[in-house]
């Protein structure tokens, strides 16, 4: 199997260069940096968004396989091994395939800066390194019967200490997620293997995680070992745990409150000061309006 050679780690932009480049672009009056920061013409974010500091991105995480607190993933990730690794792509495909890290690293990679919005009403701005999900799925040649894409996280209590503790409030492992095929093939939908020019750490979903910037963060499943294309809508972890709170689509929507809190605004991680973190008004689809056509005619309150 042949792949286009991608960027090497030495070619990827560091945190300092990211910030310097943004300042230069701002000084030149550019209203958007995505065309210059990535190899494809997709919207990344506005220059008014400041990148979240790397230590916040790697130290403030929801990854319940490691524990329920935000600091648990960084604290308990030492037993996790992301190499060797394999990802199976099967189901409604003409060419089922199993890829290892060498295969994944041969897929052409690019940098993208995306807003990340958690359902808990906090947000970050993260510089990811990876490739479009569509590039990965095309390797398996989806059939015309593929209407959804299901994802599964590694299940291994020896590496994920919280997986050995059973379910919690209806939450059980392994973590599973899903997208429609149209969502999965959209140019914005991304598979990340790194951030800030470095390989992903375990707490951020090493070695391979999904990034869907217009959806709440729980859709962006981490440490993926299996991708199955299917005719039927797959079950998803949070929807099984609390279906009245977490729907299948999970699109960022300031007009649809969570049953226990408003989604109208968000706390910006990395801006903490004397009076707390700065807040911003939440935007529909997290500001990525180009995906609106995926939901034409859909009731976004019913299909939350």
C-alpha atoms as a PDB file:
ATOM      1  CA  UNK A   1       0.000   0.000   0.000  1.00  0.00           C
ATOM      2  CA  UNK A   2       1.383   3.412  -0.963  1.00  0.00           C
ATOM      3  CA  UNK A   3       0.748   6.663   0.812  1.00  0.00           C
ATOM      4  CA  UNK A   4       1.791  10.227   0.144  1.00  0.00           C
ATOM      5  CA  UNK A   5       4.624  11.171   2.500  1.00  0.00           C
ATOM      6  CA  UNK A   6       3.483  13.637   5.159  1.00  0.00           C
ATOM      7  CA  UNK A   7       5.194  16.142   7.401  1.00  0.00           C
ATOM      8  CA  UNK A   8       7.909  14.966   9.724  1.00  0.00           C
ATOM      9  CA  UNK A   9       8.029  16.083  13.337  1.00  0.00           C
ATOM     10  CA  UNK A  10      10.904  18.485  12.622  1.00  0.00           C
ATOM     11  CA  UNK A  11       8.759  20.206   9.964  1.00  0.00           C
ATOM     12  CA  UNK A  12       5.861  20.966  12.281  1.00  0.00           C
ATOM     13  CA  UNK A  13       5.345  24.375  13.823  1.00  0.00           C
ATOM     14  CA  UNK A  14       6.243  24.863  17.486  1.00  0.00           C
ATOM     15  CA  UNK A  15       4.100  26.769  19.977  1.00  0.00           C
ATOM     16  CA  UNK A  16       6.409  29.803  19.795  1.00  0.00           C
ATOM     17  CA  UNK A  17       6.383  29.906  15.983  1.00  0.00           C
ATOM     18  CA  UNK A  18       2.592  29.469  15.940  1.00  0.00           C
ATOM     19  CA  UNK A  19       2.229  32.560  18.124  1.00  0.00           C
ATOM     20  CA  UNK A  20       4.808  34.575  16.175  1.00  0.00           C
ATOM     21  CA  UNK A  21       3.123  33.734  12.884  1.00  0.00           C
ATOM     22  CA  UNK A  22      -0.281  34.771  14.205  1.00  0.00           C
ATOM     23  CA  UNK A  23       1.089  38.104  15.424  1.00  0.00           C
ATOM     24  CA  UNK A  24       2.658  38.764  12.022  1.00  0.00           C
ATOM     25  CA  UNK A  25      -0.585  37.926  10.218  1.00  0.00           C
ATOM     26  CA  UNK A  26      -2.570  40.130  12.577  1.00  0.00           C
ATOM     27  CA  UNK A  27      -0.173  42.996  11.916  1.00  0.00           C
ATOM     28  CA  UNK A  28      -0.621  42.536   8.163  1.00  0.00           C
ATOM     29  CA  UNK A  29      -4.382  42.785   8.574  1.00  0.00           C
ATOM     30  CA  UNK A  30      -5.403  39.257   7.606  1.00  0.00           C
ATOM     31  CA  UNK A  31      -8.923  38.428   8.804  1.00  0.00           C
ATOM     32  CA  UNK A  32      -8.300  34.689   8.816  1.00  0.00           C
ATOM     33  CA  UNK A  33      -5.203  32.549   9.012  1.00  0.00           C
ATOM     34  CA  UNK A  34      -6.464  29.136   8.032  1.00  0.00           C
ATOM     35  CA  UNK A  35      -5.301  29.271   4.426  1.00  0.00           C
ATOM     36  CA  UNK A  36      -1.775  30.009   5.546  1.00  0.00           C
ATOM     37  CA  UNK A  37      -1.662  27.690   8.518  1.00  0.00           C
ATOM     38  CA  UNK A  38      -2.864  24.564   6.764  1.00  0.00           C
ATOM     39  CA  UNK A  39      -2.550  22.934   3.382  1.00  0.00           C
ATOM     40  CA  UNK A  40      -6.264  22.966   2.570  1.00  0.00           C
ATOM     41  CA  UNK A  41      -8.733  25.880   2.306  1.00  0.00           C
ATOM     42  CA  UNK A  42     -10.828  25.228   5.410  1.00  0.00           C
ATOM     43  CA  UNK A  43     -11.859  27.674   8.085  1.00  0.00           C
ATOM     44  CA  UNK A  44      -9.813  27.291  11.247  1.00  0.00           C
ATOM     45  CA  UNK A  45     -10.669  30.164  13.565  1.00  0.00           C
ATOM     46  CA  UNK A  46     -10.628  33.948  13.706  1.00  0.00           C
ATOM     47  CA  UNK A  47      -7.496  35.825  14.646  1.00  0.00           C
ATOM     48  CA  UNK A  48      -9.316  37.203  17.668  1.00  0.00           C
ATOM     49  CA  UNK A  49      -9.080  33.710  19.208  1.00  0.00           C
ATOM     50  CA  UNK A  50      -5.880  33.206  21.161  1.00  0.00           C
ATOM     51  CA  UNK A  51      -4.292  29.778  21.172  1.00  0.00           C
ATOM     52  CA  UNK A  52      -4.760  27.922  24.437  1.00  0.00           C
ATOM     53  CA  UNK A  53      -1.419  27.392  26.227  1.00  0.00           C
ATOM     54  CA  UNK A  54      -0.034  23.917  25.662  1.00  0.00           C
ATOM     55  CA  UNK A  55       0.113  23.093  29.380  1.00  0.00           C
ATOM     56  CA  UNK A  56      -3.625  23.784  29.666  1.00  0.00           C
ATOM     57  CA  UNK A  57      -4.442  21.545  26.713  1.00  0.00           C
ATOM     58  CA  UNK A  58      -2.379  18.689  28.140  1.00  0.00           C
ATOM     59  CA  UNK A  59      -3.359  19.231  31.789  1.00  0.00           C
ATOM     60  CA  UNK A  60      -7.118  19.871  31.696  1.00  0.00           C
ATOM     61  CA  UNK A  61      -8.894  16.914  30.111  1.00  0.00           C
ATOM     62  CA  UNK A  62     -11.959  14.735  30.148  1.00  0.00           C
ATOM     63  CA  UNK A  63     -10.718  11.207  29.496  1.00  0.00           C
ATOM     64  CA  UNK A  64     -12.672   9.031  31.870  1.00  0.00           C
ATOM     65  CA  UNK A  65     -10.669   5.907  31.137  1.00  0.00           C
ATOM     66  CA  UNK A  66      -7.993   7.490  33.325  1.00  0.00           C
ATOM     67  CA  UNK A  67     -10.323   8.966  35.968  1.00  0.00           C
ATOM     68  CA  UNK A  68     -13.254  11.307  36.542  1.00  0.00           C
ATOM     69  CA  UNK A  69     -11.327  14.483  37.441  1.00  0.00           C
ATOM     70  CA  UNK A  70      -9.807  16.897  34.912  1.00  0.00           C
ATOM     71  CA  UNK A  71      -6.313  16.274  36.271  1.00  0.00           C
ATOM     72  CA  UNK A  72      -6.578  12.463  36.313  1.00  0.00           C
ATOM     73  CA  UNK A  73      -5.621  11.850  32.660  1.00  0.00           C
ATOM     74  CA  UNK A  74      -2.262  13.607  33.035  1.00  0.00           C
ATOM     75  CA  UNK A  75      -1.719  12.024  36.451  1.00  0.00           C
ATOM     76  CA  UNK A  76      -2.453   8.418  35.483  1.00  0.00           C
ATOM     77  CA  UNK A  77      -1.299   8.211  31.865  1.00  0.00           C
ATOM     78  CA  UNK A  78       2.095   6.687  32.689  1.00  0.00           C
ATOM     79  CA  UNK A  79       0.916   3.095  32.106  1.00  0.00           C
ATOM     80  CA  UNK A  80      -0.495   3.850  28.673  1.00  0.00           C
ATOM     81  CA  UNK A  81       1.438   2.704  25.578  1.00  0.00           C
ATOM     82  CA  UNK A  82       0.494   4.134  22.205  1.00  0.00           C
ATOM     83  CA  UNK A  83       3.127   2.182  20.272  1.00  0.00           C
ATOM     84  CA  UNK A  84       2.584  -0.419  18.863  1.00  0.00           C
ATOM     85  CA  UNK A  85      -0.961   0.408  17.750  1.00  0.00           C
ATOM     86  CA  UNK A  86      -3.459  -0.851  15.200  1.00  0.00           C
ATOM     87  CA  UNK A  87      -6.692   0.584  13.835  1.00  0.00           C
ATOM     88  CA  UNK A  88      -9.237  -1.654  12.101  1.00  0.00           C
ATOM     89  CA  UNK A  89     -11.590  -0.206   9.467  1.00  0.00           C
ATOM     90  CA  UNK A  90     -14.407  -2.580   8.570  1.00  0.00           C
ATOM     91  CA  UNK A  91     -18.139  -2.901   7.983  1.00  0.00           C
ATOM     92  CA  UNK A  92     -19.704  -1.450   4.834  1.00  0.00           C
ATOM     93  CA  UNK A  93     -16.425  -1.191   2.937  1.00  0.00           C
ATOM     94  CA  UNK A  94     -15.046  -2.942  -0.127  1.00  0.00           C
ATOM     95  CA  UNK A  95     -11.548  -3.217   1.304  1.00  0.00           C
ATOM     96  CA  UNK A  96     -11.430  -3.839   5.078  1.00  0.00           C
ATOM     97  CA  UNK A  97      -8.069  -2.789   6.371  1.00  0.00           C
ATOM     98  CA  UNK A  98      -5.894  -2.828   9.480  1.00  0.00           C
ATOM     99  CA  UNK A  99      -3.403   0.012   9.798  1.00  0.00           C
ATOM    100  CA  UNK A 100      -0.468   0.341  12.159  1.00  0.00           C
ATOM    101  CA  UNK A 101       1.375   3.501  13.171  1.00  0.00           C
ATOM    102  CA  UNK A 102       3.743   3.313  10.213  1.00  0.00           C
ATOM    103  CA  UNK A 103       0.741   3.305   7.871  1.00  0.00           C
ATOM    104  CA  UNK A 104      -0.917   6.205   9.663  1.00  0.00           C
ATOM    105  CA  UNK A 105       2.260   8.259   9.679  1.00  0.00           C
ATOM    106  CA  UNK A 106       2.493   7.941   5.893  1.00  0.00           C
ATOM    107  CA  UNK A 107      -0.799   9.769   5.358  1.00  0.00           C
ATOM    108  CA  UNK A 108      -0.059  13.383   4.421  1.00  0.00           C
ATOM    109  CA  UNK A 109      -0.475  15.526   7.534  1.00  0.00           C
ATOM    110  CA  UNK A 110      -1.280  19.181   8.014  1.00  0.00           C
ATOM    111  CA  UNK A 111      -1.741  21.746  10.763  1.00  0.00           C
ATOM    112  CA  UNK A 112      -5.198  23.049  11.634  1.00  0.00           C
ATOM    113  CA  UNK A 113      -6.252  25.428  14.378  1.00  0.00           C
ATOM    114  CA  UNK A 114      -9.756  24.651  15.622  1.00  0.00           C
ATOM    115  CA  UNK A 115     -11.982  25.877  18.367  1.00  0.00           C
ATOM    116  CA  UNK A 116     -12.806  23.115  20.848  1.00  0.00           C
ATOM    117  CA  UNK A 117     -16.064  23.468  22.782  1.00  0.00           C
ATOM    118  CA  UNK A 118     -16.876  21.137  25.673  1.00  0.00           C
ATOM    119  CA  UNK A 119     -20.495  20.399  26.547  1.00  0.00           C
ATOM    120  CA  UNK A 120     -19.598  21.608  30.047  1.00  0.00           C
ATOM    121  CA  UNK A 121     -19.460  25.163  28.619  1.00  0.00           C
ATOM    122  CA  UNK A 122     -15.699  25.655  28.486  1.00  0.00           C
ATOM    123  CA  UNK A 123     -13.573  26.070  25.397  1.00  0.00           C
ATOM    124  CA  UNK A 124     -10.050  26.006  24.005  1.00  0.00           C
ATOM    125  CA  UNK A 125      -8.325  26.882  20.730  1.00  0.00           C
ATOM    126  CA  UNK A 126      -6.025  24.026  19.728  1.00  0.00           C
ATOM    127  CA  UNK A 127      -3.431  23.656  16.935  1.00  0.00           C
ATOM    128  CA  UNK A 128      -3.856  20.073  15.764  1.00  0.00           C
ATOM    129  CA  UNK A 129      -1.645  17.977  13.503  1.00  0.00           C
ATOM    130  CA  UNK A 130      -3.281  15.257  11.435  1.00  0.00           C
ATOM    131  CA  UNK A 131      -5.330  14.531   8.326  1.00  0.00           C
ATOM    132  CA  UNK A 132      -8.966  14.583   7.176  1.00  0.00           C
ATOM    133  CA  UNK A 133     -11.010  11.589   8.303  1.00  0.00           C
ATOM    134  CA  UNK A 134     -12.128  11.199   4.685  1.00  0.00           C
ATOM    135  CA  UNK A 135      -8.543  10.381   3.669  1.00  0.00           C
ATOM    136  CA  UNK A 136      -8.544   7.490   6.133  1.00  0.00           C
ATOM    137  CA  UNK A 137     -11.971   6.148   5.212  1.00  0.00           C
ATOM    138  CA  UNK A 138     -11.228   6.206   1.490  1.00  0.00           C
ATOM    139  CA  UNK A 139      -8.448   3.674   2.056  1.00  0.00           C
ATOM    140  CA  UNK A 140     -11.160   1.124   2.883  1.00  0.00           C
ATOM    141  CA  UNK A 141     -13.412   2.171  -0.042  1.00  0.00           C
ATOM    142  CA  UNK A 142     -16.841   2.663   1.609  1.00  0.00           C
ATOM    143  CA  UNK A 143     -19.824   1.031  -0.091  1.00  0.00           C
ATOM    144  CA  UNK A 144     -23.000   2.865  -1.054  1.00  0.00           C
ATOM    145  CA  UNK A 145     -24.655   1.248   1.980  1.00  0.00           C
ATOM    146  CA  UNK A 146     -22.426   3.142   4.446  1.00  0.00           C
ATOM    147  CA  UNK A 147     -24.648   5.717   6.145  1.00  0.00           C
ATOM    148  CA  UNK A 148     -22.876   6.045   9.499  1.00  0.00           C
ATOM    149  CA  UNK A 149     -19.391   5.687  10.927  1.00  0.00           C
ATOM    150  CA  UNK A 150     -18.889   4.112  14.370  1.00  0.00           C
ATOM    151  CA  UNK A 151     -15.727   4.539  16.465  1.00  0.00           C
ATOM    152  CA  UNK A 152     -14.367   2.601  19.434  1.00  0.00           C
ATOM    153  CA  UNK A 153     -11.694   3.424  22.018  1.00  0.00           C
ATOM    154  CA  UNK A 154      -9.157   0.886  23.241  1.00  0.00           C
ATOM    155  CA  UNK A 155     -10.407  -1.285  26.086  1.00  0.00           C
ATOM    156  CA  UNK A 156      -7.516  -2.335  28.341  1.00  0.00           C
ATOM    157  CA  UNK A 157      -7.852  -1.887  32.126  1.00  0.00           C
ATOM    158  CA  UNK A 158      -4.125  -2.520  32.496  1.00  0.00           C
ATOM    159  CA  UNK A 159      -3.487   0.744  30.652  1.00  0.00           C
ATOM    160  CA  UNK A 160      -6.683   2.626  31.545  1.00  0.00           C
ATOM    161  CA  UNK A 161      -7.066   2.292  35.341  1.00  0.00           C
ATOM    162  CA  UNK A 162     -10.645   3.559  35.444  1.00  0.00           C
ATOM    163  CA  UNK A 163     -11.866   0.920  32.998  1.00  0.00           C
ATOM    164  CA  UNK A 164     -11.424  -1.679  35.708  1.00  0.00           C
ATOM    165  CA  UNK A 165     -13.861   0.080  38.007  1.00  0.00           C
ATOM    166  CA  UNK A 166     -17.029  -0.862  36.142  1.00  0.00           C
ATOM    167  CA  UNK A 167     -19.710   1.604  35.103  1.00  0.00           C
ATOM    168  CA  UNK A 168     -20.373   4.955  36.728  1.00  0.00           C
ATOM    169  CA  UNK A 169     -23.855   6.437  36.617  1.00  0.00           C
ATOM    170  CA  UNK A 170     -24.674   4.410  33.533  1.00  0.00           C
ATOM    171  CA  UNK A 171     -21.336   5.249  31.904  1.00  0.00           C
ATOM    172  CA  UNK A 172     -19.481   2.154  30.748  1.00  0.00           C
ATOM    173  CA  UNK A 173     -16.472   1.211  28.639  1.00  0.00           C
ATOM    174  CA  UNK A 174     -15.234   0.915  25.973  1.00  0.00           C
ATOM    175  CA  UNK A 175     -16.128   4.413  24.830  1.00  0.00           C
ATOM    176  CA  UNK A 176     -17.999   4.443  21.516  1.00  0.00           C
ATOM    177  CA  UNK A 177     -19.066   7.275  19.229  1.00  0.00           C
ATOM    178  CA  UNK A 178     -20.539   7.858  15.802  1.00  0.00           C
ATOM    179  CA  UNK A 179     -21.137  10.253  12.919  1.00  0.00           C
ATOM    180  CA  UNK A 180     -23.267  10.246   9.812  1.00  0.00           C
ATOM    181  CA  UNK A 181     -21.288   9.452   6.676  1.00  0.00           C
ATOM    182  CA  UNK A 182     -21.860  13.030   5.485  1.00  0.00           C
ATOM    183  CA  UNK A 183     -20.364  14.393   8.713  1.00  0.00           C
ATOM    184  CA  UNK A 184     -17.472  11.965   8.533  1.00  0.00           C
ATOM    185  CA  UNK A 185     -16.578  12.912   4.964  1.00  0.00           C
ATOM    186  CA  UNK A 186     -16.857  16.683   5.520  1.00  0.00           C
ATOM    187  CA  UNK A 187     -13.506  18.460   4.949  1.00  0.00           C
ATOM    188  CA  UNK A 188     -13.484  19.878   8.486  1.00  0.00           C
ATOM    189  CA  UNK A 189     -13.679  16.454  10.159  1.00  0.00           C
ATOM    190  CA  UNK A 190     -10.163  15.619  11.268  1.00  0.00           C
ATOM    191  CA  UNK A 191      -8.087  12.793  12.678  1.00  0.00           C
ATOM    192  CA  UNK A 192      -5.356  14.131  14.941  1.00  0.00           C
ATOM    193  CA  UNK A 193      -2.051  12.502  15.807  1.00  0.00           C
ATOM    194  CA  UNK A 194      -0.488  15.567  17.398  1.00  0.00           C
ATOM    195  CA  UNK A 195      -0.845  19.108  18.697  1.00  0.00           C
ATOM    196  CA  UNK A 196       1.515  22.059  18.951  1.00  0.00           C
ATOM    197  CA  UNK A 197       3.800  20.195  16.552  1.00  0.00           C
ATOM    198  CA  UNK A 198       4.298  17.231  18.883  1.00  0.00           C
ATOM    199  CA  UNK A 199       2.882  13.735  19.081  1.00  0.00           C
ATOM    200  CA  UNK A 200      -0.339  13.436  21.042  1.00  0.00           C
ATOM    201  CA  UNK A 201       0.099  12.620  24.700  1.00  0.00           C
ATOM    202  CA  UNK A 202      -2.056   9.851  26.193  1.00  0.00           C
ATOM    203  CA  UNK A 203      -4.306  12.351  27.996  1.00  0.00           C
ATOM    204  CA  UNK A 204      -5.134  13.979  24.651  1.00  0.00           C
ATOM    205  CA  UNK A 205      -6.032  10.722  22.918  1.00  0.00           C
ATOM    206  CA  UNK A 206      -2.779   9.247  21.622  1.00  0.00           C
ATOM    207  CA  UNK A 207      -2.036   8.017  19.128  1.00  0.00           C
ATOM    208  CA  UNK A 208      -5.178   8.798  17.083  1.00  0.00           C
ATOM    209  CA  UNK A 209      -8.269  10.801  17.963  1.00  0.00           C
ATOM    210  CA  UNK A 210     -11.217  12.314  16.158  1.00  0.00           C
ATOM    211  CA  UNK A 211     -11.728  16.100  16.032  1.00  0.00           C
ATOM    212  CA  UNK A 212     -15.120  17.443  14.936  1.00  0.00           C
ATOM    213  CA  UNK A 213     -14.901  21.184  15.651  1.00  0.00           C
ATOM    214  CA  UNK A 214     -18.597  22.054  15.280  1.00  0.00           C
ATOM    215  CA  UNK A 215     -19.690  19.438  17.823  1.00  0.00           C
ATOM    216  CA  UNK A 216     -19.305  19.208  21.593  1.00  0.00           C
ATOM    217  CA  UNK A 217     -16.025  17.675  22.660  1.00  0.00           C
ATOM    218  CA  UNK A 218     -17.399  14.314  23.793  1.00  0.00           C
ATOM    219  CA  UNK A 219     -17.947  13.443  20.110  1.00  0.00           C
ATOM    220  CA  UNK A 220     -14.192  13.674  19.497  1.00  0.00           C
ATOM    221  CA  UNK A 221     -13.387  10.152  20.638  1.00  0.00           C
ATOM    222  CA  UNK A 222      -9.812   9.374  21.718  1.00  0.00           C
ATOM    223  CA  UNK A 223      -7.341   6.472  21.333  1.00  0.00           C
ATOM    224  CA  UNK A 224      -9.289   4.881  18.484  1.00  0.00           C
ATOM    225  CA  UNK A 225      -8.774   1.188  17.668  1.00  0.00           C
ATOM    226  CA  UNK A 226     -11.787   0.481  15.474  1.00  0.00           C
ATOM    227  CA  UNK A 227     -13.817   2.314  12.837  1.00  0.00           C
ATOM    228  CA  UNK A 228     -16.888   0.572  11.433  1.00  0.00           C
ATOM    229  CA  UNK A 229     -19.006   1.865   8.576  1.00  0.00           C
ATOM    230  CA  UNK A 230     -22.616   0.795   8.973  1.00  0.00           C
ATOM    231  CA  UNK A 231     -26.131   1.117   7.588  1.00  0.00           C
ATOM    232  CA  UNK A 232     -27.594   1.918  10.988  1.00  0.00           C
ATOM    233  CA  UNK A 233     -27.064   4.715  13.472  1.00  0.00           C
ATOM    234  CA  UNK A 234     -24.540   3.450  16.038  1.00  0.00           C
ATOM    235  CA  UNK A 235     -24.976   3.635  19.782  1.00  0.00           C
ATOM    236  CA  UNK A 236     -22.828   6.236  21.518  1.00  0.00           C
ATOM    237  CA  UNK A 237     -21.511   6.252  25.077  1.00  0.00           C
ATOM    238  CA  UNK A 238     -23.043   9.456  26.408  1.00  0.00           C
ATOM    239  CA  UNK A 239     -26.355   8.909  24.654  1.00  0.00           C
ATOM    240  CA  UNK A 240     -26.625   5.465  26.246  1.00  0.00           C
ATOM    241  CA  UNK A 241     -25.672   6.896  29.629  1.00  0.00           C
ATOM    242  CA  UNK A 242     -28.067   9.869  29.642  1.00  0.00           C
ATOM    243  CA  UNK A 243     -30.176  10.063  26.448  1.00  0.00           C
ATOM    244  CA  UNK A 244     -32.236  12.994  27.740  1.00  0.00           C
ATOM    245  CA  UNK A 245     -29.049  15.071  28.081  1.00  0.00           C
ATOM    246  CA  UNK A 246     -26.755  13.899  25.270  1.00  0.00           C
ATOM    247  CA  UNK A 247     -28.072  13.340  21.773  1.00  0.00           C
ATOM    248  CA  UNK A 248     -26.434  11.662  18.804  1.00  0.00           C
ATOM    249  CA  UNK A 249     -25.687  14.858  16.890  1.00  0.00           C
ATOM    250  CA  UNK A 250     -24.300  17.016  19.728  1.00  0.00           C
ATOM    251  CA  UNK A 251     -23.872  20.095  17.543  1.00  0.00           C
ATOM    252  CA  UNK A 252     -22.759  23.190  19.436  1.00  0.00           C
ATOM    253  CA  UNK A 253     -25.898  25.285  19.802  1.00  0.00           C
ATOM    254  CA  UNK A 254     -26.252  28.300  22.108  1.00  0.00           C
ATOM    255  CA  UNK A 255     -30.037  28.151  21.668  1.00  0.00           C
ATOM    256  CA  UNK A 256     -30.414  24.663  23.141  1.00  0.00           C
ATOM    257  CA  UNK A 257     -29.532  24.480  26.810  1.00  0.00           C
ATOM    258  CA  UNK A 258     -28.258  21.395  28.534  1.00  0.00           C
ATOM    259  CA  UNK A 259     -30.957  20.286  31.004  1.00  0.00           C
ATOM    260  CA  UNK A 260     -28.721  21.459  33.862  1.00  0.00           C
ATOM    261  CA  UNK A 261     -26.989  24.554  32.437  1.00  0.00           C
ATOM    262  CA  UNK A 262     -27.075  27.128  29.669  1.00  0.00           C
ATOM    263  CA  UNK A 263     -25.009  26.770  26.517  1.00  0.00           C
ATOM    264  CA  UNK A 264     -25.283  30.449  25.594  1.00  0.00           C
ATOM    265  CA  UNK A 265     -21.716  31.284  26.626  1.00  0.00           C
ATOM    266  CA  UNK A 266     -18.469  29.507  27.459  1.00  0.00           C
ATOM    267  CA  UNK A 267     -15.493  29.844  29.783  1.00  0.00           C
ATOM    268  CA  UNK A 268     -12.209  30.220  27.886  1.00  0.00           C
ATOM    269  CA  UNK A 269      -9.545  27.956  29.352  1.00  0.00           C
ATOM    270  CA  UNK A 270      -6.156  29.649  29.653  1.00  0.00           C
ATOM    271  CA  UNK A 271      -7.523  33.135  30.359  1.00  0.00           C
ATOM    272  CA  UNK A 272      -7.897  32.718  34.104  1.00  0.00           C
ATOM    273  CA  UNK A 273      -7.268  35.835  36.161  1.00  0.00           C
ATOM    274  CA  UNK A 274      -8.225  37.532  39.410  1.00  0.00           C
ATOM    275  CA  UNK A 275     -11.892  37.482  38.477  1.00  0.00           C
ATOM    276  CA  UNK A 276     -11.929  34.094  36.787  1.00  0.00           C
ATOM    277  CA  UNK A 277     -11.653  33.102  33.138  1.00  0.00           C
ATOM    278  CA  UNK A 278     -12.904  35.260  30.304  1.00  0.00           C
ATOM    279  CA  UNK A 279     -16.159  34.266  28.669  1.00  0.00           C
ATOM    280  CA  UNK A 280     -17.400  34.496  25.110  1.00  0.00           C
ATOM    281  CA  UNK A 281     -20.787  34.046  23.523  1.00  0.00           C
ATOM    282  CA  UNK A 282     -21.169  30.592  22.033  1.00  0.00           C
ATOM    283  CA  UNK A 283     -21.816  30.447  18.281  1.00  0.00           C
ATOM    284  CA  UNK A 284     -24.039  28.012  16.439  1.00  0.00           C
ATOM    285  CA  UNK A 285     -21.929  25.114  15.159  1.00  0.00           C
ATOM    286  CA  UNK A 286     -19.088  26.650  17.191  1.00  0.00           C
ATOM    287  CA  UNK A 287     -18.714  29.262  14.445  1.00  0.00           C
ATOM    288  CA  UNK A 288     -18.231  26.735  11.612  1.00  0.00           C
ATOM    289  CA  UNK A 289     -21.233  27.860   9.586  1.00  0.00           C
ATOM    290  CA  UNK A 290     -20.121  25.948   6.484  1.00  0.00           C
ATOM    291  CA  UNK A 291     -21.497  22.728   8.002  1.00  0.00           C
ATOM    292  CA  UNK A 292     -25.046  24.102   8.279  1.00  0.00           C
ATOM    293  CA  UNK A 293     -26.037  22.481   4.976  1.00  0.00           C
ATOM    294  CA  UNK A 294     -25.565  19.052   6.580  1.00  0.00           C
ATOM    295  CA  UNK A 295     -28.642  19.750   8.698  1.00  0.00           C
ATOM    296  CA  UNK A 296     -30.963  21.489   6.237  1.00  0.00           C
ATOM    297  CA  UNK A 297     -34.555  20.964   7.306  1.00  0.00           C
ATOM    298  CA  UNK A 298     -33.556  19.327  10.580  1.00  0.00           C
ATOM    299  CA  UNK A 299     -35.013  20.464  13.896  1.00  0.00           C
ATOM    300  CA  UNK A 300     -31.822  21.163  15.870  1.00  0.00           C
ATOM    301  CA  UNK A 301     -33.700  21.188  19.174  1.00  0.00           C
ATOM    302  CA  UNK A 302     -35.212  17.773  18.573  1.00  0.00           C
ATOM    303  CA  UNK A 303     -32.038  16.399  17.014  1.00  0.00           C
ATOM    304  CA  UNK A 304     -29.708  17.695  19.692  1.00  0.00           C
END
